[in-house]
Amino acid sequence: MIILFNPRATKPRNRRFPLSVMALAAVLEGHEEYEIVDGNLDENPTQTILNLVREKNVEILGVSVMPGPQMVAAVNSCREIRKVYPKLPIVWGGYFPSIYSDSALNAPYVDYVVRGQGEQTLLELIDAIRGNRKFEGILGLSYKDVFGLHRHNPERLMQNPDVFPWSPFHRVPVGRYLRPSFFGKRTTAHHASIGCPFRCSFCGVHAIYGNRELAESPARTEAILRHLKEQYGADSVQFYDMNFFLKESHARELAERMEPLGFHWWCEARIDTFNRYSDATLEAVRRAGCTMIFFGAESGSDWVLKEMQKDITTEQTLAVAKRIRQFGIIPEFSFVIGNPRDPERDTRETLEFIRKIKRLNRQSEIIIYHYTPVPQRTSMYGNIDNQVTFPTTPDEWATKKWLDFTLRIDPNTPWLKRKTKNLIDNFEVVVNARWPTVQDIRAPWWSRILLKMLSAWRYAARIYAFPKELRWAQNFISLRKPKHESL
């Protein structure tokens, strides 16, 4: 038996399908006996796994690991499982081990790391563990040899999602994943592509996949969503693709196929790509149910965007904020503030730029992050290679200091002064109180009025310091915070 483990990553109300392990389950279906254990559903997944190992002939424990809370949960579970069953092969895959392969292998409870797209690599690894092939021939695999040394095999080229079968929805309790959201009463999640063709120097995605994106066919996306609607009652979807829109012809066909489903949906898109689409295509996207689009605006400074290799301009962002209003789609703009070369200037210019966006389109949702570096194949954004020393083990990554770093709560980077960080944080409190997110379906109607009244004078006067009354009000009301879903 193969166990596919998705450690806890979020609060119960925010859980969605464990898409990573379901993708692996799809290639095992009909060929291998397997169980999916999801820490977002199971209150004691470690004990569930221990019971399975005791009762079944478990050959591999495969663990999907994202940085942050899921990585902490993975550390705790794998450490305990290794103590009880020291010979059980434990495999980590996903974003964290793909970026930090050596750190993952430094853990005594991690034997193998699957980097990048894992379906084919897992199948070949199963064969190798059974003695049917050699480990050194498996692309995309990192492992410890007989001497304990780390071996990193060459990368595996990505394959189009259409190559692999659908996720086996019948193997999970689908109803428990269809949760209420701003988009519908039974919101699902879907990943229609893999990778990203762009070169943003602050992002870790191209460090894993290179500069490629492969998307499933519109017909397959439609078929999967139709299945979820007809069999399980799904009425809305969040697409977790890095770039849901890439080619206009693809976007147009997908919109036309999705329109009869009656879904409302959220996705991510590039600002420059969106700007190039015709009004007819964007109208088709609106008719198809697109309700909100997340855009990586990143900075209000063109010099920073150039250093980021973002390949967009601030004028393009403003054009999107203005143009999207006619289609009734809410834009969600994300900013990464704290350029290592001149964080004070970047902060000053970006905060003023956000105010400009709000003047153009008050419906714009604003998400602000502190820049935190991610290792790259080449130099990290901002030429900070010698300024940050990353942890060398998952246990150290699981400490509060590095958890706060990963979640960008308190990155404590050497170039960002505390005064500047406080300005960013306080501005975020004020702007989010002035325009509370529409995505919180639990907040009472009066809460938004209260927050707007309390914050209006601060925003108008540009007084952001010590917004204690707003923090108190936001904690009392407990509004949803889109960027802190997992906390």
Protein backbone atom coordinates (compact mmCIF):
# COMPACT_ATOMS: atom_id res chain seq x y z
CA MET A 1 0.00 0.00 0.00
CA ILE A 2 1.02 3.60 -0.70
CA ILE A 3 -0.06 6.32 1.76
CA LEU A 4 -0.45 9.82 0.33
CA PHE A 5 -0.41 12.35 3.15
CA ASN A 6 -1.55 15.96 2.95
CA PRO A 7 -0.55 17.58 6.30
CA ARG A 8 -2.76 20.23 7.80
CA ALA A 9 -2.33 23.59 6.04
CA THR A 10 -5.39 25.68 6.83
CA LYS A 11 -8.42 26.24 9.04
CA PRO A 12 -11.34 23.85 8.46
CA ARG A 13 -13.52 26.56 6.94
CA ASN A 14 -10.87 27.27 4.28
CA ARG A 15 -10.07 23.71 3.26
CA ARG A 16 -10.25 22.68 -0.37
CA PHE A 17 -9.36 19.49 -2.23
CA PRO A 18 -5.82 18.23 -1.49
CA LEU A 19 -5.06 18.64 -5.19
CA SER A 20 -1.39 17.62 -4.98
CA VAL A 21 -1.95 14.17 -3.48
CA MET A 22 -5.10 13.64 -5.56
CA ALA A 23 -3.00 14.15 -8.70
CA LEU A 24 -0.64 11.42 -7.48
CA ALA A 25 -3.55 9.19 -6.57
CA ALA A 26 -4.83 9.51 -10.14
CA VAL A 27 -1.79 7.68 -11.56
CA LEU A 28 -2.00 5.00 -8.85
CA GLU A 29 -5.71 4.35 -9.37
CA GLY A 30 -6.32 0.86 -10.70
CA HIS A 31 -2.65 -0.09 -10.37
CA GLU A 32 -1.73 0.28 -6.70
CA GLU A 33 -3.50 0.02 -3.38
CA TYR A 34 -3.39 3.44 -1.71
CA GLU A 35 -4.97 5.64 0.95
CA ILE A 36 -5.26 9.43 1.10
CA VAL A 37 -4.84 10.95 4.56
CA ASP A 38 -5.71 14.64 4.75
CA GLY A 39 -4.71 16.56 7.86
CA ASN A 40 -7.25 19.25 7.00
CA LEU A 41 -9.99 16.68 7.66
CA ASP A 42 -8.43 14.17 10.04
CA GLU A 43 -7.99 15.49 13.59
CA ASN A 44 -5.16 13.02 14.25
CA PRO A 45 -3.61 12.12 10.89
CA THR A 46 -0.41 10.84 12.48
CA GLN A 47 -2.31 8.17 14.40
CA THR A 48 -4.31 7.30 11.28
CA ILE A 49 -1.07 6.70 9.40
CA LEU A 50 0.43 4.66 12.25
CA ASN A 51 -2.70 2.50 12.29
CA LEU A 52 -2.49 1.94 8.52
CA VAL A 53 1.18 0.96 8.73
CA ARG A 54 0.42 -1.46 11.55
CA GLU A 55 -2.52 -3.06 9.73
CA LYS A 56 -1.37 -2.96 6.09
CA ASN A 57 1.75 -3.68 4.09
CA VAL A 58 2.69 -0.03 3.58
CA GLU A 59 5.64 0.40 1.23
CA ILE A 60 5.87 4.21 0.99
CA LEU A 61 4.62 7.26 2.83
CA GLY A 62 4.38 10.15 0.37
CA VAL A 63 4.03 13.61 1.94
CA SER A 64 3.04 16.83 0.16
CA VAL A 65 4.79 19.81 1.74
CA MET A 66 4.21 23.53 1.25
CA PRO A 67 6.24 26.08 3.27
CA GLY A 68 4.54 27.42 6.36
CA PRO A 69 2.02 25.60 8.59
CA GLN A 70 1.90 22.52 6.36
CA MET A 71 5.66 22.08 6.61
CA VAL A 72 5.46 22.35 10.42
CA ALA A 73 2.71 19.71 10.48
CA ALA A 74 4.76 17.47 8.15
CA VAL A 75 7.80 17.71 10.43
CA ASN A 76 5.82 16.76 13.53
CA SER A 77 4.08 13.80 11.88
CA CYS A 78 7.09 12.39 10.04
CA ARG A 79 9.30 12.66 13.11
CA GLU A 80 6.84 10.61 15.16
CA ILE A 81 6.20 8.06 12.39
CA ARG A 82 9.94 7.53 11.89
CA LYS A 83 10.37 6.76 15.61
CA VAL A 84 7.75 4.01 15.49
CA TYR A 85 8.57 2.66 12.00
CA PRO A 86 12.23 3.51 11.27
CA LYS A 87 12.37 1.45 8.07
CA LEU A 88 9.29 2.92 6.37
CA PRO A 89 10.46 4.93 3.31
CA ILE A 90 9.27 8.54 3.63
CA VAL A 91 9.07 10.68 0.50
CA TRP A 92 8.56 14.44 0.47
CA GLY A 93 7.24 16.26 -2.58
CA GLY A 94 5.76 19.64 -3.36
CA TYR A 95 6.95 23.24 -3.21
CA PHE A 96 9.12 23.10 -0.08
CA PRO A 97 11.29 20.07 -0.92
CA SER A 98 11.46 21.12 -4.58
CA ILE A 99 13.06 24.42 -3.55
CA TYR A 100 14.92 23.24 -0.43
CA SER A 101 15.89 19.71 -1.48
CA ASP A 102 19.06 19.51 0.60
CA SER A 103 17.34 20.92 3.67
CA ALA A 104 14.59 18.32 3.35
CA LEU A 105 17.10 15.49 3.00
CA ASN A 106 19.00 16.72 6.05
CA ALA A 107 16.05 15.53 8.12
CA PRO A 108 16.51 11.99 9.46
CA TYR A 109 12.84 11.30 8.69
CA VAL A 110 13.06 12.14 4.95
CA ASP A 111 14.55 9.52 2.61
CA TYR A 112 13.56 10.79 -0.84
CA VAL A 113 12.51 14.09 -2.41
CA VAL A 114 10.38 14.33 -5.54
CA ARG A 115 11.04 17.66 -7.25
CA GLY A 116 8.53 19.42 -9.48
CA GLN A 117 5.79 17.49 -11.25
CA GLY A 118 5.67 14.24 -9.34
CA GLU A 119 3.35 11.75 -11.05
CA GLN A 120 5.87 9.88 -13.21
CA THR A 121 8.68 10.25 -10.69
CA LEU A 122 6.56 8.59 -7.99
CA LEU A 123 5.73 5.62 -10.23
CA GLU A 124 9.40 5.08 -11.02
CA LEU A 125 10.37 5.51 -7.36
CA ILE A 126 7.93 2.79 -6.35
CA ASP A 127 9.63 0.47 -8.82
CA ALA A 128 13.07 1.40 -7.47
CA ILE A 129 12.07 0.78 -3.85
CA ARG A 130 10.80 -2.63 -4.93
CA GLY A 131 14.19 -3.33 -6.47
CA ASN A 132 13.04 -3.22 -10.10
CA ARG A 133 15.17 -0.26 -11.23
CA LYS A 134 18.03 1.99 -10.08
CA PHE A 135 17.45 5.23 -8.21
CA GLU A 136 20.06 7.16 -10.18
CA GLY A 137 18.01 6.84 -13.38
CA ILE A 138 14.88 8.53 -12.01
CA LEU A 139 14.56 12.10 -13.26
CA GLY A 140 13.36 14.68 -10.75
CA LEU A 141 14.46 12.60 -7.74
CA SER A 142 16.77 13.58 -4.88
CA TYR A 143 17.79 10.95 -2.35
CA LYS A 144 20.37 9.73 0.13
CA ASP A 145 22.77 7.08 -1.12
CA VAL A 146 24.11 4.20 0.97
CA PHE A 147 26.72 6.54 2.48
CA GLY A 148 24.13 9.14 3.41
CA LEU A 149 25.27 11.57 0.72
CA HIS A 150 22.69 13.63 -1.16
CA ARG A 151 22.16 12.77 -4.81
CA HIS A 152 20.21 15.07 -7.12
CA ASN A 153 19.20 13.50 -10.41
CA PRO A 154 18.57 15.71 -13.49
CA GLU A 155 15.26 17.55 -13.80
CA ARG A 156 12.23 15.90 -15.34
CA LEU A 157 10.52 17.74 -18.18
CA MET A 158 6.94 18.71 -17.41
CA GLN A 159 4.10 16.91 -19.09
CA ASN A 160 0.77 18.39 -20.05
CA PRO A 161 -1.98 17.73 -17.47
CA ASP A 162 -4.01 16.08 -20.24
CA VAL A 163 -1.49 13.21 -20.20
CA PHE A 164 -2.63 12.13 -16.74
CA PRO A 165 -6.05 10.88 -15.62
CA TRP A 166 -8.50 12.94 -13.58
CA SER A 167 -8.26 13.11 -9.83
CA PRO A 168 -10.16 10.17 -8.27
CA PHE A 169 -12.90 12.21 -6.58
CA HIS A 170 -14.64 9.03 -5.48
CA ARG A 171 -11.74 8.35 -3.10
CA VAL A 172 -12.30 11.47 -0.98
CA PRO A 173 -15.35 12.85 0.88
CA VAL A 174 -16.08 15.52 -1.73
CA GLY A 175 -18.88 17.15 0.25
CA ARG A 176 -16.51 18.09 3.06
CA TYR A 177 -14.36 20.09 0.63
CA LEU A 178 -17.15 22.08 -1.00
CA ARG A 179 -17.19 25.01 1.39
CA PRO A 180 -19.12 28.30 1.34
CA SER A 181 -17.22 31.29 0.00
CA PHE A 182 -17.84 34.70 -1.53
CA PHE A 183 -18.20 32.89 -4.85
CA GLY A 184 -20.83 30.32 -3.92
CA LYS A 185 -22.31 27.99 -1.33
CA ARG A 186 -20.32 24.96 -2.51
CA THR A 187 -16.97 26.21 -3.76
CA THR A 188 -14.47 23.76 -5.18
CA ALA A 189 -10.86 24.17 -6.30
CA HIS A 190 -9.13 23.20 -9.51
CA HIS A 191 -5.67 23.39 -11.06
CA ALA A 192 -5.92 23.65 -14.85
CA SER A 193 -2.22 24.15 -15.62
CA ILE A 194 1.27 23.71 -14.26
CA GLY A 195 4.24 26.07 -14.28
CA CYS A 196 4.67 29.68 -15.37
CA PRO A 197 6.33 31.03 -18.54
CA PHE A 198 7.47 34.31 -17.00
CA ARG A 199 10.69 35.21 -15.23
CA CYS A 200 9.85 37.21 -12.10
CA SER A 201 13.09 37.11 -10.09
CA PHE A 202 11.41 37.10 -6.66
CA CYS A 203 9.28 33.99 -7.34
CA GLY A 204 10.24 30.39 -6.66
CA VAL A 205 7.95 28.80 -9.26
CA HIS A 206 10.38 29.05 -12.16
CA ALA A 207 13.12 27.73 -9.88
CA ILE A 208 11.08 24.51 -9.83
CA TYR A 209 9.55 24.35 -13.30
CA GLY A 210 11.66 26.66 -15.42
CA ASN A 211 9.94 29.13 -17.72
CA ARG A 212 7.20 26.85 -19.01
CA GLU A 213 3.46 26.56 -18.49
CA LEU A 214 1.35 23.68 -19.73
CA ALA A 215 -2.45 23.90 -19.55
CA GLU A 216 -5.05 21.21 -19.85
CA SER A 217 -7.53 21.52 -22.68
CA PRO A 218 -10.67 23.65 -22.16
CA ALA A 219 -12.71 20.51 -22.84
CA ARG A 220 -11.08 18.68 -19.92
CA THR A 221 -11.55 21.64 -17.56
CA GLU A 222 -15.21 21.84 -18.51
CA ALA A 223 -15.70 18.09 -18.10
CA ILE A 224 -14.18 18.03 -14.61
CA LEU A 225 -16.22 21.00 -13.41
CA ARG A 226 -19.39 19.58 -14.95
CA HIS A 227 -18.73 16.31 -13.11
CA LEU A 228 -18.30 18.16 -9.81
CA LYS A 229 -21.51 20.09 -10.43
CA GLU A 230 -23.69 17.17 -11.50
CA GLN A 231 -22.36 14.57 -9.07
CA TYR A 232 -21.62 16.68 -6.01
CA GLY A 233 -23.47 19.98 -6.38
CA ALA A 234 -20.47 22.32 -6.81
CA ASP A 235 -21.56 25.83 -7.82
CA SER A 236 -18.32 27.82 -7.86
CA VAL A 237 -14.59 27.32 -8.25
CA GLN A 238 -11.25 28.84 -7.37
CA PHE A 239 -8.56 28.18 -9.97
CA TYR A 240 -5.13 27.84 -8.38
CA ASP A 241 -3.10 28.30 -11.57
CA MET A 242 -0.20 30.74 -11.57
CA ASN A 243 -1.61 32.21 -14.79
CA PHE A 244 -5.11 31.11 -15.64
CA PHE A 245 -5.15 33.23 -18.80
CA LEU A 246 -2.27 32.73 -21.23
CA LYS A 247 -3.50 32.48 -24.82
CA GLU A 248 -6.57 34.48 -25.77
CA SER A 249 -7.98 31.70 -27.95
CA HIS A 250 -7.70 29.28 -25.03
CA ALA A 251 -9.35 31.73 -22.64
CA ARG A 252 -12.19 32.42 -25.07
CA GLU A 253 -12.93 28.74 -25.67
CA LEU A 254 -12.80 27.96 -21.96
CA ALA A 255 -15.15 30.85 -21.16
CA GLU A 256 -17.65 29.67 -23.76
CA ARG A 257 -17.51 26.12 -22.37
CA MET A 258 -17.90 27.29 -18.76
CA GLU A 259 -20.81 29.68 -19.32
CA PRO A 260 -23.53 26.96 -19.35
CA LEU A 261 -22.26 25.66 -15.98
CA GLY A 262 -23.40 28.80 -14.19
CA PHE A 263 -20.34 28.87 -11.92
CA HIS A 264 -18.90 31.96 -10.24
CA TRP A 265 -15.13 31.80 -10.07
CA TRP A 266 -11.79 33.30 -9.05
CA CYS A 267 -8.44 33.02 -10.83
CA GLU A 268 -5.01 34.60 -11.22
CA ALA A 269 -3.89 36.49 -14.31
CA ARG A 270 -1.04 38.60 -15.68
CA ILE A 271 -1.71 42.32 -16.01
CA ASP A 272 -0.12 42.60 -19.46
CA THR A 273 -1.96 39.50 -20.73
CA PHE A 274 -5.32 40.83 -19.54
CA ASN A 275 -4.64 44.20 -21.18
CA ARG A 276 -4.06 42.54 -24.55
CA TYR A 277 -7.38 40.69 -24.61
CA SER A 278 -10.21 42.15 -26.66
CA ASP A 279 -13.38 43.48 -25.09
CA ALA A 280 -15.25 40.59 -26.69
CA THR A 281 -13.06 38.02 -24.93
CA LEU A 282 -13.33 39.78 -21.57
CA GLU A 283 -17.09 40.00 -21.98
CA ALA A 284 -17.12 36.24 -22.62
CA VAL A 285 -15.08 35.74 -19.44
CA ARG A 286 -17.60 37.83 -17.50
CA ARG A 287 -20.55 35.88 -18.90
CA ALA A 288 -18.77 32.67 -17.92
CA GLY A 289 -18.99 33.72 -14.28
CA CYS A 290 -15.60 35.27 -13.56
CA THR A 291 -16.15 37.27 -10.38
CA MET A 292 -12.65 38.20 -9.20
CA ILE A 293 -9.15 38.11 -10.69
CA PHE A 294 -5.92 38.20 -8.70
CA PHE A 295 -3.21 40.31 -10.36
CA GLY A 296 0.42 40.48 -9.27
CA ALA A 297 0.94 44.25 -9.50
CA GLU A 298 3.95 43.85 -7.13
CA SER A 299 5.11 47.49 -6.97
CA GLY A 300 4.10 51.07 -7.67
CA SER A 301 7.59 51.83 -8.96
CA ASP A 302 8.69 51.07 -12.52
CA TRP A 303 12.34 50.84 -11.44
CA VAL A 304 11.40 48.07 -8.98
CA LEU A 305 9.33 46.22 -11.58
CA LYS A 306 12.33 46.29 -13.88
CA GLU A 307 14.61 44.86 -11.18
CA MET A 308 11.99 42.18 -10.51
CA GLN A 309 11.99 41.27 -14.20
CA LYS A 310 8.22 41.51 -13.94
CA ASP A 311 7.92 42.80 -17.53
CA ILE A 312 4.96 45.06 -16.74
CA THR A 313 4.62 48.77 -16.00
CA THR A 314 2.64 50.75 -13.45
CA GLU A 315 0.63 52.30 -16.28
CA GLN A 316 -0.53 48.85 -17.33
CA THR A 317 -1.72 48.17 -13.79
CA LEU A 318 -3.68 51.41 -13.72
CA ALA A 319 -5.18 50.54 -17.10
CA VAL A 320 -6.42 47.20 -15.74
CA ALA A 321 -7.90 48.84 -12.64
CA LYS A 322 -9.84 51.23 -14.85
CA ARG A 323 -10.79 48.88 -17.68
CA ILE A 324 -11.99 45.96 -15.59
CA ARG A 325 -14.79 48.04 -14.07
CA GLN A 326 -16.86 47.85 -17.25
CA PHE A 327 -17.00 44.06 -16.96
CA GLY A 328 -18.08 43.98 -13.32
CA ILE A 329 -15.08 41.87 -12.31
CA ILE A 330 -13.35 42.69 -9.01
CA PRO A 331 -9.56 43.08 -9.30
CA GLU A 332 -7.39 41.82 -6.47
CA PHE A 333 -3.97 43.52 -6.63
CA SER A 334 -1.02 42.02 -4.80
CA PHE A 335 2.09 44.02 -3.87
CA VAL A 336 5.51 42.81 -2.71
CA ILE A 337 7.02 45.77 -0.87
CA GLY A 338 10.57 46.18 0.42
CA ASN A 339 13.00 46.33 -2.50
CA PRO A 340 16.39 45.47 -0.95
CA ARG A 341 18.21 48.30 -2.76
CA ASP A 342 15.94 51.09 -1.56
CA PRO A 343 13.04 49.80 0.57
CA GLU A 344 12.09 53.26 1.85
CA ARG A 345 11.60 54.67 -1.65
CA ASP A 346 9.82 51.52 -2.83
CA THR A 347 7.46 51.70 0.14
CA ARG A 348 6.71 55.39 -0.27
CA GLU A 349 6.00 55.12 -3.98
CA THR A 350 3.97 51.91 -3.74
CA LEU A 351 1.68 53.16 -0.97
CA GLU A 352 0.92 56.27 -3.02
CA PHE A 353 0.33 54.08 -6.06
CA ILE A 354 -2.22 51.99 -4.16
CA ARG A 355 -4.10 55.18 -3.34
CA LYS A 356 -4.12 55.98 -7.06
CA ILE A 357 -5.60 52.55 -7.83
CA LYS A 358 -8.33 53.15 -5.26
CA ARG A 359 -9.21 56.45 -6.91
CA LEU A 360 -9.62 54.65 -10.24
CA ASN A 361 -11.49 51.63 -8.92
CA ARG A 362 -12.66 51.49 -5.30
CA GLN A 363 -13.69 47.86 -5.69
CA SER A 364 -10.03 46.90 -6.02
CA GLU A 365 -8.94 44.51 -3.28
CA ILE A 366 -5.42 45.17 -1.99
CA ILE A 367 -3.05 42.51 -0.64
CA ILE A 368 0.33 43.58 0.71
CA TYR A 369 3.35 41.37 1.40
CA HIS A 370 6.84 42.12 2.65
CA TYR A 371 9.47 40.90 0.21
CA THR A 372 11.01 37.68 1.47
CA PRO A 373 13.64 35.97 -0.67
CA VAL A 374 13.36 32.50 -2.17
CA PRO A 375 16.49 30.68 -3.43
CA GLN A 376 16.91 30.82 -7.20
CA ARG A 377 19.07 29.04 -9.73
CA THR A 378 20.72 32.40 -10.40
CA SER A 379 21.12 35.38 -8.06
CA MET A 380 18.16 36.23 -5.87
CA TYR A 381 16.19 39.39 -6.55
CA GLY A 382 17.98 42.42 -5.10
CA ASN A 383 21.44 40.79 -5.16
CA ILE A 384 21.05 39.65 -1.56
CA ASP A 385 22.73 36.28 -1.85
CA ASN A 386 25.06 36.99 1.08
CA GLN A 387 22.52 38.79 3.27
CA VAL A 388 20.23 35.89 4.17
CA THR A 389 21.35 32.50 5.47
CA PHE A 390 18.56 30.00 5.08
CA PRO A 391 17.94 27.12 7.51
CA THR A 392 19.49 23.80 6.62
CA THR A 393 16.87 21.50 8.15
CA PRO A 394 13.05 21.31 8.20
CA ASP A 395 13.18 21.45 12.02
CA GLU A 396 14.75 24.89 11.86
CA TRP A 397 12.28 26.01 9.20
CA ALA A 398 9.54 24.95 11.63
CA THR A 399 10.64 27.40 14.34
CA LYS A 400 8.56 30.53 14.95
CA LYS A 401 11.26 32.80 13.52
CA TRP A 402 11.31 31.07 10.15
CA LEU A 403 7.59 30.37 10.09
CA ASP A 404 7.01 34.11 10.43
CA PHE A 405 9.58 34.63 7.65
CA THR A 406 7.85 32.16 5.35
CA LEU A 407 4.41 33.66 5.99
CA ARG A 408 5.82 37.19 5.63
CA ILE A 409 4.38 38.11 9.01
CA ASP A 410 7.73 39.32 10.32
CA PRO A 411 10.48 38.53 7.80
CA ASN A 412 13.06 40.56 9.79
CA THR A 413 15.25 41.02 6.71
CA PRO A 414 18.43 43.08 7.26
CA TRP A 415 17.57 45.75 4.69
CA LEU A 416 14.05 46.56 5.95
CA LYS A 417 14.09 49.02 8.85
CA ARG A 418 11.54 48.46 11.59
CA LYS A 419 10.17 51.96 10.95
CA THR A 420 9.54 51.13 7.30
CA LYS A 421 8.00 47.77 8.14
CA ASN A 422 5.65 49.43 10.62
CA LEU A 423 4.59 51.95 7.97
CA ILE A 424 3.73 49.12 5.57
CA ASP A 425 1.82 47.18 8.22
CA ASN A 426 -0.06 50.23 9.49
CA PHE A 427 -1.02 51.32 5.98
CA GLU A 428 -2.37 47.84 5.34
CA VAL A 429 -4.52 48.05 8.46
CA VAL A 430 -5.92 51.44 7.43
CA VAL A 431 -6.64 50.59 3.79
CA ASN A 432 -8.25 47.26 4.69
CA ALA A 433 -10.46 49.00 7.24
CA ARG A 434 -11.37 51.75 4.81
CA TRP A 435 -12.39 49.12 2.24
CA PRO A 436 -13.07 45.80 4.02
CA THR A 437 -12.75 42.77 1.78
CA VAL A 438 -15.97 41.66 0.10
CA GLN A 439 -14.81 38.07 0.47
CA ASP A 440 -15.80 37.78 4.13
CA ILE A 441 -19.25 36.21 4.05
CA ARG A 442 -19.45 35.90 7.84
CA ALA A 443 -19.03 39.53 8.87
CA PRO A 444 -22.25 41.30 9.94
CA TRP A 445 -23.39 44.24 7.81
CA TRP A 446 -22.68 46.79 10.53
CA SER A 447 -19.04 45.74 10.85
CA ARG A 448 -18.11 47.22 7.48
CA ILE A 449 -19.79 50.51 8.34
CA LEU A 450 -17.96 50.66 11.66
CA LEU A 451 -14.56 50.01 10.09
CA LYS A 452 -15.13 52.56 7.35
CA MET A 453 -16.17 55.20 9.86
CA LEU A 454 -13.18 54.56 12.10
CA SER A 455 -10.66 54.61 9.24
CA ALA A 456 -11.99 57.34 6.95
CA TRP A 457 -10.20 60.23 8.67
CA ARG A 458 -6.90 58.36 8.81
CA TYR A 459 -6.97 57.49 5.14
CA ALA A 460 -7.99 61.00 4.11
CA ALA A 461 -5.29 62.63 6.27
CA ARG A 462 -2.63 60.01 5.48
CA ILE A 463 -2.15 59.30 9.17
CA TYR A 464 -1.25 55.62 9.41
CA ALA A 465 0.77 55.48 12.63
CA PHE A 466 -0.50 53.55 15.67
CA PRO A 467 -3.92 52.49 14.30
CA LYS A 468 -4.76 50.77 17.59
CA GLU A 469 -8.48 51.39 17.31
CA LEU A 470 -8.56 49.74 13.88
CA ARG A 471 -6.56 46.73 15.02
CA TRP A 472 -8.90 46.35 17.98
CA ALA A 473 -11.98 46.65 15.75
CA GLN A 474 -10.61 44.18 13.18
CA ASN A 475 -9.76 41.66 15.89
CA PHE A 476 -13.18 42.08 17.47
CA ILE A 477 -14.96 41.63 14.15
CA SER A 478 -12.43 39.00 13.00
CA LEU A 479 -12.64 39.80 9.30
CA ARG A 480 -11.27 37.32 6.81
CA LYS A 481 -7.70 38.05 5.77
CA PRO A 482 -7.09 36.58 2.29
CA LYS A 483 -3.30 36.41 2.66
CA HIS A 484 -3.48 34.65 6.07
CA GLU A 485 -5.84 31.83 5.12
CA SER A 486 -3.71 29.21 6.82
CA LEU A 487 -3.30 30.92 10.18
